[in-house]
Protein backbone atom coordinates (compact mmCIF):
# COMPACT_ATOMS: atom_id res chain seq x y z
CA MET A 1 116.05 106.58 100.66
CA THR A 2 112.51 107.91 100.44
CA THR A 3 111.22 104.50 99.36
CA PHE A 4 112.83 102.88 102.39
CA LEU A 5 111.29 105.47 104.72
CA VAL A 6 107.85 104.99 103.17
CA ILE A 7 108.14 101.23 103.75
CA VAL A 8 109.17 101.89 107.36
CA LEU A 9 106.21 104.24 107.74
CA VAL A 10 103.76 101.64 106.41
CA VAL A 11 105.17 99.01 108.79
CA LEU A 12 104.83 101.42 111.72
CA MET A 13 101.24 102.19 110.76
CA ILE A 14 100.44 98.48 110.67
CA MET A 15 102.05 98.06 114.09
CA VAL A 16 99.90 100.92 115.43
CA VAL A 17 96.72 99.22 114.21
CA VAL A 18 97.79 95.81 115.56
CA SER A 19 98.60 97.29 118.98
CA LEU A 20 95.28 99.14 119.04
CA VAL A 21 93.30 96.02 118.17
CA ARG A 22 95.15 93.89 120.72
CA GLY A 23 94.51 96.52 123.42
CA ILE A 24 90.82 96.68 122.56
CA VAL A 25 90.55 92.88 122.58
CA ALA A 26 92.17 92.76 126.02
CA PHE A 27 89.69 95.41 127.17
CA LEU A 28 86.73 93.47 125.81
CA GLN A 29 87.90 90.27 127.50
CA SER A 30 87.61 91.96 130.88
CA HIS A 31 84.36 90.92 132.51
CA LYS A 32 82.43 92.81 135.16
CA ALA A 33 82.62 89.82 137.50
CA ASP A 34 86.42 89.76 137.17
CA ILE A 35 86.62 93.47 137.91
CA GLU A 36 84.50 93.17 141.04
CA ALA A 37 86.34 90.07 142.26
CA GLY A 38 89.77 91.56 141.59
CA SER A 39 90.98 88.30 140.09
CA ARG A 40 94.46 87.60 138.75
CA ARG A 41 93.02 87.34 135.22
CA GLN A 42 91.73 90.91 135.50
CA GLN A 43 95.14 92.15 136.55
CA ASP A 44 96.71 90.36 133.58
CA MET A 45 94.18 91.92 131.20
CA GLN A 46 94.84 95.39 132.62
CA LEU A 47 98.57 94.91 132.18
CA MET A 48 98.01 93.77 128.60
CA GLN A 49 95.81 96.81 127.90
CA ASN A 50 98.44 99.18 129.29
CA LYS A 51 101.25 97.47 127.39
CA MET A 52 99.40 97.55 124.07
CA MET A 53 98.30 101.17 124.44
CA PHE A 54 101.86 102.21 125.34
CA ASN A 55 103.13 100.35 122.27
CA ARG A 56 100.54 102.16 120.15
CA ILE A 57 101.74 105.54 121.38
CA LYS A 58 105.37 104.55 120.83
CA TYR A 59 104.72 103.42 117.24
CA GLN A 60 102.71 106.56 116.51
CA ALA A 61 105.57 108.74 117.73
CA LEU A 62 108.03 106.85 115.55
CA ALA A 63 105.69 107.22 112.57
CA ILE A 64 105.55 110.99 113.13
CA VAL A 65 109.34 111.13 113.21
CA VAL A 66 109.54 109.19 109.94
CA VAL A 67 107.00 111.54 108.32
CA ALA A 68 109.07 114.53 109.48
CA VAL A 69 112.23 113.00 107.99
CA ILE A 70 110.43 112.31 104.71
CA MET A 71 109.24 115.92 104.60
CA MET A 72 112.76 117.21 105.27
CA ILE A 73 114.18 115.03 102.50
CA ALA A 74 111.48 116.14 100.06
CA ARG A 75 112.41 119.81 100.39
């Protein structure tokens, strides 16, 4: 059981990093000209940033839960 939870934890940590990188890439693709013009592309990039950062928080919370379960099992 512990081995399974450790594998789940590693997968969640990878998902956290992927979500973080995708959110940062979406942020970096936003250009000052797009921000000032209020273009549709800018709105799409902002939505992508928000989605990726929310996913990051969600995966981090799940990882914390898995760590807590592993600690309870290890007692």
